[in-house]
Amino acid sequence: MAIFLGGVYIFVLFLAFNKIDNYVLDLIASFRGQLIYCLVSISLLLFLKIKKTAMVLLSISFVLLLAHYAPFQSKFNITKEDKITVKLINLHYYNQHIKTVLQDFYEENTWDILVLQEFNDTHRSELTKFNEQFSLYGYDSVEGSPFGIVVVSRLPIIFRYLNTQENRKLGYIKLGFLKNDEVLYGFFLHPPSPRSKELWMQRNQLLRVLTTAVTSTDSSWFITGDLNTVSWSRYFPSDLGETCVDAYGIYSSWSPFSQLFSEVTGVPIDHCIVSENIKLREVYLSTIKGSDHRSLTFKMIER
């Protein structure tokens, strides 16, 4: 029994930290935190058989747990003039509370750029009041809401570019925002959820295309979206710059148990990444009525 549990421990450890280019193994590794909790459970079971070995494995498991769920960084107080606040919301295409949710965000004065994902185009009329007061991308009938994305901005949008891959449902949006006579570029995307190997490959391809586009951008930039992957995946473009996970620690932006959001039950698949001349100062999450995601808010300042 002890040998069996030891073998299971090693196997689960491999699954949690594997970086193999494989569809199934990549999906399993996305739940690294949950797998580490399994390692703790296995160590406790071993304690009934081999106490010394179990204590060693339990110590290793707790170290891995602490390393994965890094302590959250302190929030810094910054003035409104210093920062740009971006709020990312995955609404869910069939959100029955869409009118209430949008009205709440319309009345809020806590964001500069509001990014709506999984926006159902049948609710376009709900954006009219936003369009009358702010700059919008994804409202005009010509634009529609590509990839289900709408961007609302208090800053003027002076550049618009839509990238589409061979699959017209796949691509990214690049917008230029005017701030203090300088242009800040934002990249917005929502790769497909890897529910099949084909969709998984499309997600990875889009992230590679995005990486190429971002590295050729000279001005300040940021990326945000439901990237449908975790920050420790080999396919996540973590080398581009500081991420929301870097600034905050591991968080849960999506959970299969939407009524029980926690760092234990969920994973971070909604992300932000910023260029090297931008610093993330605050990152926080909040619940959205009718969505299986939590909103991700981050504040940026120039270094």
C-alpha atoms as a PDB file:
ATOM      1  CA  MET A   1       0.000   0.000   0.000  1.00  0.00           C
ATOM      2  CA  ALA A   2       2.802   2.409   0.902  1.00  0.00           C
ATOM      3  CA  ILE A   3       4.632   1.704  -2.367  1.00  0.00           C
ATOM      4  CA  PHE A   4       1.408   2.258  -4.293  1.00  0.00           C
ATOM      5  CA  LEU A   5       0.747   5.612  -2.583  1.00  0.00           C
ATOM      6  CA  GLY A   6       4.357   6.646  -3.189  1.00  0.00           C
ATOM      7  CA  GLY A   7       3.968   5.856  -6.873  1.00  0.00           C
ATOM      8  CA  VAL A   8       0.717   7.817  -7.051  1.00  0.00           C
ATOM      9  CA  TYR A   9       2.450  10.774  -5.351  1.00  0.00           C
ATOM     10  CA  ILE A  10       5.220  10.807  -7.966  1.00  0.00           C
ATOM     11  CA  PHE A  11       2.706  10.475 -10.806  1.00  0.00           C
ATOM     12  CA  VAL A  12       0.535  13.347  -9.540  1.00  0.00           C
ATOM     13  CA  LEU A  13       3.673  15.466  -9.048  1.00  0.00           C
ATOM     14  CA  PHE A  14       4.612  14.813 -12.665  1.00  0.00           C
ATOM     15  CA  LEU A  15       1.130  15.767 -13.888  1.00  0.00           C
ATOM     16  CA  ALA A  16       1.176  19.028 -11.924  1.00  0.00           C
ATOM     17  CA  PHE A  17       4.510  20.289 -13.263  1.00  0.00           C
ATOM     18  CA  ASN A  18       4.770  18.690 -16.690  1.00  0.00           C
ATOM     19  CA  LYS A  19       5.592  20.942 -19.642  1.00  0.00           C
ATOM     20  CA  ILE A  20       5.064  18.348 -22.353  1.00  0.00           C
ATOM     21  CA  ASP A  21       3.567  19.505 -25.654  1.00  0.00           C
ATOM     22  CA  ASN A  22       0.420  17.446 -25.324  1.00  0.00           C
ATOM     23  CA  TYR A  23      -3.245  18.402 -25.297  1.00  0.00           C
ATOM     24  CA  VAL A  24      -4.386  16.261 -22.364  1.00  0.00           C
ATOM     25  CA  LEU A  25      -1.291  16.857 -20.218  1.00  0.00           C
ATOM     26  CA  ASP A  26      -1.539  20.611 -20.741  1.00  0.00           C
ATOM     27  CA  LEU A  27      -5.164  20.644 -19.563  1.00  0.00           C
ATOM     28  CA  ILE A  28      -4.320  18.544 -16.513  1.00  0.00           C
ATOM     29  CA  ALA A  29      -1.401  20.820 -15.569  1.00  0.00           C
ATOM     30  CA  SER A  30      -3.799  23.783 -15.640  1.00  0.00           C
ATOM     31  CA  PHE A  31      -5.116  22.466 -12.332  1.00  0.00           C
ATOM     32  CA  ARG A  32      -1.712  22.498 -10.662  1.00  0.00           C
ATOM     33  CA  GLY A  33      -3.027  23.978  -7.432  1.00  0.00           C
ATOM     34  CA  GLN A  34      -5.682  21.302  -7.072  1.00  0.00           C
ATOM     35  CA  LEU A  35      -3.111  18.601  -7.856  1.00  0.00           C
ATOM     36  CA  ILE A  36      -0.814  19.913  -5.122  1.00  0.00           C
ATOM     37  CA  TYR A  37      -3.702  19.597  -2.668  1.00  0.00           C
ATOM     38  CA  CYS A  38      -3.934  15.975  -3.822  1.00  0.00           C
ATOM     39  CA  LEU A  39      -0.250  15.586  -2.923  1.00  0.00           C
ATOM     40  CA  VAL A  40      -1.034  16.816   0.586  1.00  0.00           C
ATOM     41  CA  SER A  41      -3.847  14.261   0.870  1.00  0.00           C
ATOM     42  CA  ILE A  42      -1.619  11.422  -0.347  1.00  0.00           C
ATOM     43  CA  SER A  43       1.063  12.413   2.187  1.00  0.00           C
ATOM     44  CA  LEU A  44      -1.496  12.293   4.998  1.00  0.00           C
ATOM     45  CA  LEU A  45      -2.600   8.814   3.900  1.00  0.00           C
ATOM     46  CA  LEU A  46       1.031   7.688   3.850  1.00  0.00           C
ATOM     47  CA  PHE A  47       1.387   8.962   7.403  1.00  0.00           C
ATOM     48  CA  LEU A  48      -0.643   5.953   8.517  1.00  0.00           C
ATOM     49  CA  LYS A  49       1.977   3.591   7.028  1.00  0.00           C
ATOM     50  CA  ILE A  50       5.417   5.247   6.957  1.00  0.00           C
ATOM     51  CA  LYS A  51       5.594   8.279   9.227  1.00  0.00           C
ATOM     52  CA  LYS A  52       9.104   9.506   8.336  1.00  0.00           C
ATOM     53  CA  THR A  53       8.612   9.280   4.584  1.00  0.00           C
ATOM     54  CA  ALA A  54       5.172  10.827   4.916  1.00  0.00           C
ATOM     55  CA  MET A  55       6.601  13.779   6.873  1.00  0.00           C
ATOM     56  CA  VAL A  56       9.165  14.426   4.134  1.00  0.00           C
ATOM     57  CA  LEU A  57       6.516  14.289   1.398  1.00  0.00           C
ATOM     58  CA  LEU A  58       4.155  16.426   3.446  1.00  0.00           C
ATOM     59  CA  SER A  59       6.874  19.052   3.875  1.00  0.00           C
ATOM     60  CA  ILE A  60       7.564  19.021   0.130  1.00  0.00           C
ATOM     61  CA  SER A  61       3.845  19.349  -0.580  1.00  0.00           C
ATOM     62  CA  PHE A  62       3.454  22.363   1.698  1.00  0.00           C
ATOM     63  CA  VAL A  63       6.481  24.057   0.128  1.00  0.00           C
ATOM     64  CA  LEU A  64       4.954  23.513  -3.330  1.00  0.00           C
ATOM     65  CA  LEU A  65       1.631  24.812  -2.053  1.00  0.00           C
ATOM     66  CA  LEU A  66       3.214  27.986  -0.675  1.00  0.00           C
ATOM     67  CA  ALA A  67       5.273  28.491  -3.835  1.00  0.00           C
ATOM     68  CA  HIS A  68       2.191  28.128  -6.040  1.00  0.00           C
ATOM     69  CA  TYR A  69      -0.156  30.291  -4.009  1.00  0.00           C
ATOM     70  CA  ALA A  70       2.355  33.091  -3.511  1.00  0.00           C
ATOM     71  CA  PRO A  71       1.359  35.748  -0.945  1.00  0.00           C
ATOM     72  CA  PHE A  72      -0.622  38.569  -2.462  1.00  0.00           C
ATOM     73  CA  GLN A  73       1.327  41.770  -2.940  1.00  0.00           C
ATOM     74  CA  SER A  74       0.313  44.916  -1.127  1.00  0.00           C
ATOM     75  CA  LYS A  75      -1.965  47.368  -2.867  1.00  0.00           C
ATOM     76  CA  PHE A  76      -0.500  50.790  -3.506  1.00  0.00           C
ATOM     77  CA  ASN A  77      -2.487  53.999  -3.195  1.00  0.00           C
ATOM     78  CA  ILE A  78      -2.181  56.068  -6.355  1.00  0.00           C
ATOM     79  CA  THR A  79      -4.011  59.135  -7.550  1.00  0.00           C
ATOM     80  CA  LYS A  80      -6.511  59.117 -10.388  1.00  0.00           C
ATOM     81  CA  GLU A  81      -4.142  61.190 -12.527  1.00  0.00           C
ATOM     82  CA  ASP A  82      -1.360  58.624 -12.174  1.00  0.00           C
ATOM     83  CA  LYS A  83      -3.112  55.513 -13.339  1.00  0.00           C
ATOM     84  CA  ILE A  84      -5.296  53.887 -15.946  1.00  0.00           C
ATOM     85  CA  THR A  85      -7.832  51.421 -14.626  1.00  0.00           C
ATOM     86  CA  VAL A  86      -8.898  48.544 -16.879  1.00  0.00           C
ATOM     87  CA  LYS A  87     -11.828  46.289 -16.015  1.00  0.00           C
ATOM     88  CA  LEU A  88     -12.220  42.966 -17.846  1.00  0.00           C
ATOM     89  CA  ILE A  89     -15.585  41.221 -17.700  1.00  0.00           C
ATOM     90  CA  ASN A  90     -16.535  37.908 -19.278  1.00  0.00           C
ATOM     91  CA  LEU A  91     -20.306  38.421 -19.315  1.00  0.00           C
ATOM     92  CA  HIS A  92     -21.359  34.975 -20.596  1.00  0.00           C
ATOM     93  CA  TYR A  93     -23.281  35.011 -23.877  1.00  0.00           C
ATOM     94  CA  TYR A  94     -26.550  33.933 -22.252  1.00  0.00           C
ATOM     95  CA  ASN A  95     -26.345  36.058 -19.114  1.00  0.00           C
ATOM     96  CA  GLN A  96     -29.941  36.726 -18.049  1.00  0.00           C
ATOM     97  CA  HIS A  97     -28.860  39.725 -15.947  1.00  0.00           C
ATOM     98  CA  ILE A  98     -27.069  41.583 -18.751  1.00  0.00           C
ATOM     99  CA  LYS A  99     -29.166  44.772 -18.469  1.00  0.00           C
ATOM    100  CA  THR A 100     -28.540  45.096 -14.740  1.00  0.00           C
ATOM    101  CA  VAL A 101     -24.836  44.305 -15.068  1.00  0.00           C
ATOM    102  CA  LEU A 102     -24.276  46.877 -17.824  1.00  0.00           C
ATOM    103  CA  GLN A 103     -26.279  49.517 -15.974  1.00  0.00           C
ATOM    104  CA  ASP A 104     -24.136  48.984 -12.877  1.00  0.00           C
ATOM    105  CA  PHE A 105     -20.934  49.470 -14.859  1.00  0.00           C
ATOM    106  CA  TYR A 106     -22.383  52.486 -16.647  1.00  0.00           C
ATOM    107  CA  GLU A 107     -23.031  54.149 -13.291  1.00  0.00           C
ATOM    108  CA  GLU A 108     -19.594  53.225 -11.916  1.00  0.00           C
ATOM    109  CA  ASN A 109     -16.810  55.793 -12.052  1.00  0.00           C
ATOM    110  CA  THR A 110     -14.031  53.338 -11.218  1.00  0.00           C
ATOM    111  CA  TRP A 111     -12.744  52.403 -14.676  1.00  0.00           C
ATOM    112  CA  ASP A 112     -11.070  54.077 -17.637  1.00  0.00           C
ATOM    113  CA  ILE A 113     -11.297  51.131 -20.040  1.00  0.00           C
ATOM    114  CA  LEU A 114     -14.091  48.567 -19.804  1.00  0.00           C
ATOM    115  CA  VAL A 115     -13.587  45.318 -21.742  1.00  0.00           C
ATOM    116  CA  LEU A 116     -16.669  43.161 -22.283  1.00  0.00           C
ATOM    117  CA  GLN A 117     -16.213  39.591 -23.491  1.00  0.00           C
ATOM    118  CA  GLU A 118     -18.822  37.055 -24.573  1.00  0.00           C
ATOM    119  CA  PHE A 119     -21.056  39.994 -25.438  1.00  0.00           C
ATOM    120  CA  ASN A 120     -24.208  38.836 -27.206  1.00  0.00           C
ATOM    121  CA  ASP A 121     -24.799  41.164 -30.156  1.00  0.00           C
ATOM    122  CA  THR A 122     -28.551  40.971 -29.604  1.00  0.00           C
ATOM    123  CA  HIS A 123     -27.993  43.289 -26.627  1.00  0.00           C
ATOM    124  CA  ARG A 124     -26.346  46.023 -28.700  1.00  0.00           C
ATOM    125  CA  SER A 125     -29.095  48.504 -27.804  1.00  0.00           C
ATOM    126  CA  GLU A 126     -27.874  48.330 -24.192  1.00  0.00           C
ATOM    127  CA  LEU A 127     -24.656  50.018 -25.353  1.00  0.00           C
ATOM    128  CA  THR A 128     -26.378  53.139 -26.695  1.00  0.00           C
ATOM    129  CA  LYS A 129     -25.906  55.094 -23.475  1.00  0.00           C
ATOM    130  CA  PHE A 130     -22.224  54.103 -23.398  1.00  0.00           C
ATOM    131  CA  ASN A 131     -21.798  55.202 -27.009  1.00  0.00           C
ATOM    132  CA  GLU A 132     -23.272  58.624 -26.235  1.00  0.00           C
ATOM    133  CA  GLN A 133     -20.734  59.299 -23.479  1.00  0.00           C
ATOM    134  CA  PHE A 134     -17.588  57.248 -24.202  1.00  0.00           C
ATOM    135  CA  SER A 135     -15.447  55.932 -27.055  1.00  0.00           C
ATOM    136  CA  LEU A 136     -16.594  52.473 -28.138  1.00  0.00           C
ATOM    137  CA  TYR A 137     -15.266  49.625 -30.227  1.00  0.00           C
ATOM    138  CA  GLY A 138     -17.745  46.934 -31.227  1.00  0.00           C
ATOM    139  CA  TYR A 139     -20.909  49.035 -31.298  1.00  0.00           C
ATOM    140  CA  ASP A 140     -21.102  50.146 -34.925  1.00  0.00           C
ATOM    141  CA  SER A 141     -22.974  47.817 -37.253  1.00  0.00           C
ATOM    142  CA  VAL A 142     -19.914  47.500 -39.490  1.00  0.00           C
ATOM    143  CA  GLU A 143     -17.691  46.404 -36.611  1.00  0.00           C
ATOM    144  CA  GLY A 144     -20.246  44.367 -34.736  1.00  0.00           C
ATOM    145  CA  SER A 145     -18.658  42.813 -31.676  1.00  0.00           C
ATOM    146  CA  PRO A 146     -15.814  40.716 -33.159  1.00  0.00           C
ATOM    147  CA  PHE A 147     -15.027  37.589 -31.156  1.00  0.00           C
ATOM    148  CA  GLY A 148     -17.770  38.746 -28.760  1.00  0.00           C
ATOM    149  CA  ILE A 149     -15.596  41.666 -27.591  1.00  0.00           C
ATOM    150  CA  VAL A 150     -16.702  45.230 -26.899  1.00  0.00           C
ATOM    151  CA  VAL A 151     -14.332  47.901 -25.541  1.00  0.00           C
ATOM    152  CA  VAL A 152     -15.640  51.035 -23.818  1.00  0.00           C
ATOM    153  CA  SER A 153     -13.146  53.800 -23.034  1.00  0.00           C
ATOM    154  CA  ARG A 154     -13.106  57.156 -21.270  1.00  0.00           C
ATOM    155  CA  LEU A 155      -9.904  57.799 -23.223  1.00  0.00           C
ATOM    156  CA  PRO A 156     -10.221  58.642 -26.929  1.00  0.00           C
ATOM    157  CA  ILE A 157      -9.710  55.618 -29.197  1.00  0.00           C
ATOM    158  CA  ILE A 158      -7.573  56.951 -32.064  1.00  0.00           C
ATOM    159  CA  PHE A 159      -6.425  53.670 -33.651  1.00  0.00           C
ATOM    160  CA  ARG A 160      -8.436  50.552 -34.530  1.00  0.00           C
ATOM    161  CA  TYR A 161      -7.204  47.321 -36.034  1.00  0.00           C
ATOM    162  CA  LEU A 162      -8.924  43.956 -36.329  1.00  0.00           C
ATOM    163  CA  ASN A 163      -6.769  40.905 -36.974  1.00  0.00           C
ATOM    164  CA  THR A 164      -8.498  37.765 -38.207  1.00  0.00           C
ATOM    165  CA  GLN A 165      -6.930  34.400 -38.884  1.00  0.00           C
ATOM    166  CA  GLU A 166      -8.039  31.887 -41.517  1.00  0.00           C
ATOM    167  CA  ASN A 167     -10.895  31.073 -39.190  1.00  0.00           C
ATOM    168  CA  ARG A 168     -12.851  34.343 -39.171  1.00  0.00           C
ATOM    169  CA  LYS A 169     -13.898  33.624 -35.605  1.00  0.00           C
ATOM    170  CA  LEU A 170     -10.280  33.744 -34.463  1.00  0.00           C
ATOM    171  CA  GLY A 171      -8.090  36.819 -34.028  1.00  0.00           C
ATOM    172  CA  TYR A 172      -7.381  39.838 -31.850  1.00  0.00           C
ATOM    173  CA  ILE A 173      -8.257  43.533 -31.638  1.00  0.00           C
ATOM    174  CA  LYS A 174      -5.609  46.256 -31.340  1.00  0.00           C
ATOM    175  CA  LEU A 175      -6.704  49.709 -30.197  1.00  0.00           C
ATOM    176  CA  GLY A 176      -4.758  52.907 -29.585  1.00  0.00           C
ATOM    177  CA  PHE A 177      -5.809  55.093 -26.616  1.00  0.00           C
ATOM    178  CA  LEU A 178      -4.730  58.717 -26.303  1.00  0.00           C
ATOM    179  CA  LYS A 179      -3.391  59.598 -22.850  1.00  0.00           C
ATOM    180  CA  ASN A 180      -1.429  62.825 -22.191  1.00  0.00           C
ATOM    181  CA  ASP A 181      -0.619  63.213 -25.908  1.00  0.00           C
ATOM    182  CA  GLU A 182       0.839  59.692 -26.011  1.00  0.00           C
ATOM    183  CA  VAL A 183      -0.630  56.525 -27.465  1.00  0.00           C
ATOM    184  CA  LEU A 184      -1.167  53.450 -25.320  1.00  0.00           C
ATOM    185  CA  TYR A 185      -1.962  50.300 -27.314  1.00  0.00           C
ATOM    186  CA  GLY A 186      -4.299  47.649 -26.029  1.00  0.00           C
ATOM    187  CA  PHE A 187      -4.560  44.092 -27.357  1.00  0.00           C
ATOM    188  CA  PHE A 188      -7.844  42.284 -26.705  1.00  0.00           C
ATOM    189  CA  LEU A 189      -8.545  38.651 -27.472  1.00  0.00           C
ATOM    190  CA  HIS A 190     -10.573  35.646 -26.404  1.00  0.00           C
ATOM    191  CA  PRO A 191      -9.011  32.428 -27.734  1.00  0.00           C
ATOM    192  CA  PRO A 192     -11.304  29.395 -27.907  1.00  0.00           C
ATOM    193  CA  SER A 193     -11.778  27.244 -24.836  1.00  0.00           C
ATOM    194  CA  PRO A 194      -9.700  24.056 -25.339  1.00  0.00           C
ATOM    195  CA  ARG A 195     -12.668  21.707 -25.276  1.00  0.00           C
ATOM    196  CA  SER A 196     -11.101  19.709 -28.124  1.00  0.00           C
ATOM    197  CA  LYS A 197      -7.612  19.237 -29.483  1.00  0.00           C
ATOM    198  CA  GLU A 198      -8.461  21.350 -32.542  1.00  0.00           C
ATOM    199  CA  LEU A 199      -9.624  24.278 -30.386  1.00  0.00           C
ATOM    200  CA  TRP A 200      -6.570  23.841 -28.159  1.00  0.00           C
ATOM    201  CA  MET A 201      -4.307  24.162 -31.204  1.00  0.00           C
ATOM    202  CA  GLN A 202      -6.218  27.258 -32.373  1.00  0.00           C
ATOM    203  CA  ARG A 203      -5.761  28.837 -28.944  1.00  0.00           C
ATOM    204  CA  ASN A 204      -2.024  28.174 -28.986  1.00  0.00           C
ATOM    205  CA  GLN A 205      -1.677  29.506 -32.535  1.00  0.00           C
ATOM    206  CA  LEU A 206      -3.492  32.732 -31.679  1.00  0.00           C
ATOM    207  CA  LEU A 207      -1.248  33.282 -28.654  1.00  0.00           C
ATOM    208  CA  ARG A 208       1.798  32.865 -30.909  1.00  0.00           C
ATOM    209  CA  VAL A 209       0.368  35.375 -33.418  1.00  0.00           C
ATOM    210  CA  LEU A 210      -0.301  37.802 -30.574  1.00  0.00           C
ATOM    211  CA  THR A 211       3.257  37.465 -29.279  1.00  0.00           C
ATOM    212  CA  THR A 212       4.647  38.388 -32.693  1.00  0.00           C
ATOM    213  CA  ALA A 213       2.342  41.412 -32.957  1.00  0.00           C
ATOM    214  CA  VAL A 214       3.143  42.698 -29.487  1.00  0.00           C
ATOM    215  CA  THR A 215       6.917  42.364 -29.810  1.00  0.00           C
ATOM    216  CA  SER A 216       6.814  44.563 -32.928  1.00  0.00           C
ATOM    217  CA  THR A 217       4.969  47.366 -31.084  1.00  0.00           C
ATOM    218  CA  ASP A 218       7.267  50.221 -30.061  1.00  0.00           C
ATOM    219  CA  SER A 219       4.889  52.214 -27.829  1.00  0.00           C
ATOM    220  CA  SER A 220       3.538  51.223 -24.418  1.00  0.00           C
ATOM    221  CA  TRP A 221       1.003  48.399 -24.543  1.00  0.00           C
ATOM    222  CA  PHE A 222      -1.104  46.043 -22.511  1.00  0.00           C
ATOM    223  CA  ILE A 223      -2.896  42.760 -23.214  1.00  0.00           C
ATOM    224  CA  THR A 224      -6.071  41.593 -21.555  1.00  0.00           C
ATOM    225  CA  GLY A 225      -8.659  38.909 -22.137  1.00  0.00           C
ATOM    226  CA  ASP A 226      -9.933  35.492 -21.221  1.00  0.00           C
ATOM    227  CA  LEU A 227      -6.942  33.617 -22.646  1.00  0.00           C
ATOM    228  CA  ASN A 228      -8.349  30.211 -21.687  1.00  0.00           C
ATOM    229  CA  THR A 229      -5.027  29.089 -20.259  1.00  0.00           C
ATOM    230  CA  VAL A 230      -3.160  29.494 -16.988  1.00  0.00           C
ATOM    231  CA  SER A 231      -0.050  31.584 -16.471  1.00  0.00           C
ATOM    232  CA  TRP A 232       2.200  28.556 -15.858  1.00  0.00           C
ATOM    233  CA  SER A 233       1.275  26.861 -19.144  1.00  0.00           C
ATOM    234  CA  ARG A 234       4.069  26.544 -21.693  1.00  0.00           C
ATOM    235  CA  TYR A 235       1.772  28.298 -24.178  1.00  0.00           C
ATOM    236  CA  PHE A 236       1.118  31.373 -22.045  1.00  0.00           C
ATOM    237  CA  PRO A 237       3.169  34.401 -23.278  1.00  0.00           C
ATOM    238  CA  SER A 238       4.645  35.140 -19.843  1.00  0.00           C
ATOM    239  CA  ASP A 239       7.960  36.382 -21.303  1.00  0.00           C
ATOM    240  CA  LEU A 240       6.284  39.473 -22.768  1.00  0.00           C
ATOM    241  CA  GLY A 241       6.055  41.403 -19.499  1.00  0.00           C
ATOM    242  CA  GLU A 242       4.568  41.644 -16.020  1.00  0.00           C
ATOM    243  CA  THR A 243       1.263  39.796 -15.611  1.00  0.00           C
ATOM    244  CA  CYS A 244      -1.685  40.145 -13.266  1.00  0.00           C
ATOM    245  CA  VAL A 245      -0.609  36.894 -11.617  1.00  0.00           C
ATOM    246  CA  ASP A 246       2.857  38.383 -11.034  1.00  0.00           C
ATOM    247  CA  ALA A 247       1.291  41.408  -9.352  1.00  0.00           C
ATOM    248  CA  TYR A 248      -1.387  39.607  -7.354  1.00  0.00           C
ATOM    249  CA  GLY A 249      -0.489  35.970  -6.896  1.00  0.00           C
ATOM    250  CA  ILE A 250      -2.651  33.036  -7.959  1.00  0.00           C
ATOM    251  CA  TYR A 251      -6.303  33.991  -8.193  1.00  0.00           C
ATOM    252  CA  SER A 252      -9.482  32.305  -9.357  1.00  0.00           C
ATOM    253  CA  SER A 253     -11.189  34.060 -12.261  1.00  0.00           C
ATOM    254  CA  TRP A 254     -13.094  30.987 -13.458  1.00  0.00           C
ATOM    255  CA  SER A 255     -14.383  27.995 -11.563  1.00  0.00           C
ATOM    256  CA  PRO A 256     -16.450  24.999 -12.615  1.00  0.00           C
ATOM    257  CA  PHE A 257     -18.339  25.752  -9.395  1.00  0.00           C
ATOM    258  CA  SER A 258     -19.465  29.290 -10.214  1.00  0.00           C
ATOM    259  CA  GLN A 259     -21.194  29.671  -6.861  1.00  0.00           C
ATOM    260  CA  LEU A 260     -18.037  28.725  -4.970  1.00  0.00           C
ATOM    261  CA  PHE A 261     -15.204  30.868  -6.275  1.00  0.00           C
ATOM    262  CA  SER A 262     -11.938  30.285  -4.450  1.00  0.00           C
ATOM    263  CA  GLU A 263      -8.265  29.754  -5.214  1.00  0.00           C
ATOM    264  CA  VAL A 264      -8.854  26.072  -4.372  1.00  0.00           C
ATOM    265  CA  THR A 265     -11.756  25.436  -6.759  1.00  0.00           C
ATOM    266  CA  GLY A 266     -10.818  27.772  -9.626  1.00  0.00           C
ATOM    267  CA  VAL A 267      -7.967  28.808 -11.913  1.00  0.00           C
ATOM    268  CA  PRO A 268      -6.695  32.093 -13.411  1.00  0.00           C
ATOM    269  CA  ILE A 269      -7.620  32.159 -17.105  1.00  0.00           C
ATOM    270  CA  ASP A 270      -8.524  35.880 -17.340  1.00  0.00           C
ATOM    271  CA  HIS A 271      -5.265  37.802 -17.627  1.00  0.00           C
ATOM    272  CA  CYS A 272      -3.399  41.005 -18.167  1.00  0.00           C
ATOM    273  CA  ILE A 273       0.167  41.545 -19.391  1.00  0.00           C
ATOM    274  CA  VAL A 274       1.883  44.937 -19.633  1.00  0.00           C
ATOM    275  CA  SER A 275       4.978  46.240 -21.433  1.00  0.00           C
ATOM    276  CA  GLU A 276       8.229  46.779 -19.537  1.00  0.00           C
ATOM    277  CA  ASN A 277       7.698  50.531 -19.150  1.00  0.00           C
ATOM    278  CA  ILE A 278       4.363  49.980 -17.365  1.00  0.00           C
ATOM    279  CA  LYS A 279       3.912  48.869 -13.764  1.00  0.00           C
ATOM    280  CA  LEU A 280       0.869  47.087 -12.367  1.00  0.00           C
ATOM    281  CA  ARG A 281      -0.134  48.660  -9.063  1.00  0.00           C
ATOM    282  CA  GLU A 282      -3.448  47.066  -8.107  1.00  0.00           C
ATOM    283  CA  VAL A 283      -5.204  43.898  -9.180  1.00  0.00           C
ATOM    284  CA  TYR A 284      -8.478  42.688  -7.776  1.00  0.00           C
ATOM    285  CA  LEU A 285     -11.451  40.522  -8.702  1.00  0.00           C
ATOM    286  CA  SER A 286     -15.188  40.747  -8.118  1.00  0.00           C
ATOM    287  CA  THR A 287     -18.261  38.630  -8.793  1.00  0.00           C
ATOM    288  CA  ILE A 288     -20.440  39.283 -11.865  1.00  0.00           C
ATOM    289  CA  LYS A 289     -24.090  38.311 -11.633  1.00  0.00           C
ATOM    290  CA  GLY A 290     -25.020  35.645 -14.172  1.00  0.00           C
ATOM    291  CA  SER A 291     -21.420  34.854 -15.216  1.00  0.00           C
ATOM    292  CA  ASP A 292     -19.193  31.883 -14.474  1.00  0.00           C
ATOM    293  CA  HIS A 293     -16.207  34.287 -14.422  1.00  0.00           C
ATOM    294  CA  ARG A 294     -15.169  36.991 -12.007  1.00  0.00           C
ATOM    295  CA  SER A 295     -14.245  40.409 -13.350  1.00  0.00           C
ATOM    296  CA  LEU A 296     -10.535  41.286 -13.355  1.00  0.00           C
ATOM    297  CA  THR A 297      -9.569  44.891 -12.613  1.00  0.00           C
ATOM    298  CA  PHE A 298      -6.018  46.192 -12.859  1.00  0.00           C
ATOM    299  CA  LYS A 299      -4.418  49.609 -12.540  1.00  0.00           C
ATOM    300  CA  MET A 300      -1.368  50.667 -14.571  1.00  0.00           C
ATOM    301  CA  ILE A 301       1.122  53.488 -14.249  1.00  0.00           C
ATOM    302  CA  GLU A 302       4.175  54.490 -16.275  1.00  0.00           C
ATOM    303  CA  ARG A 303       7.434  53.425 -14.637  1.00  0.00           C
END
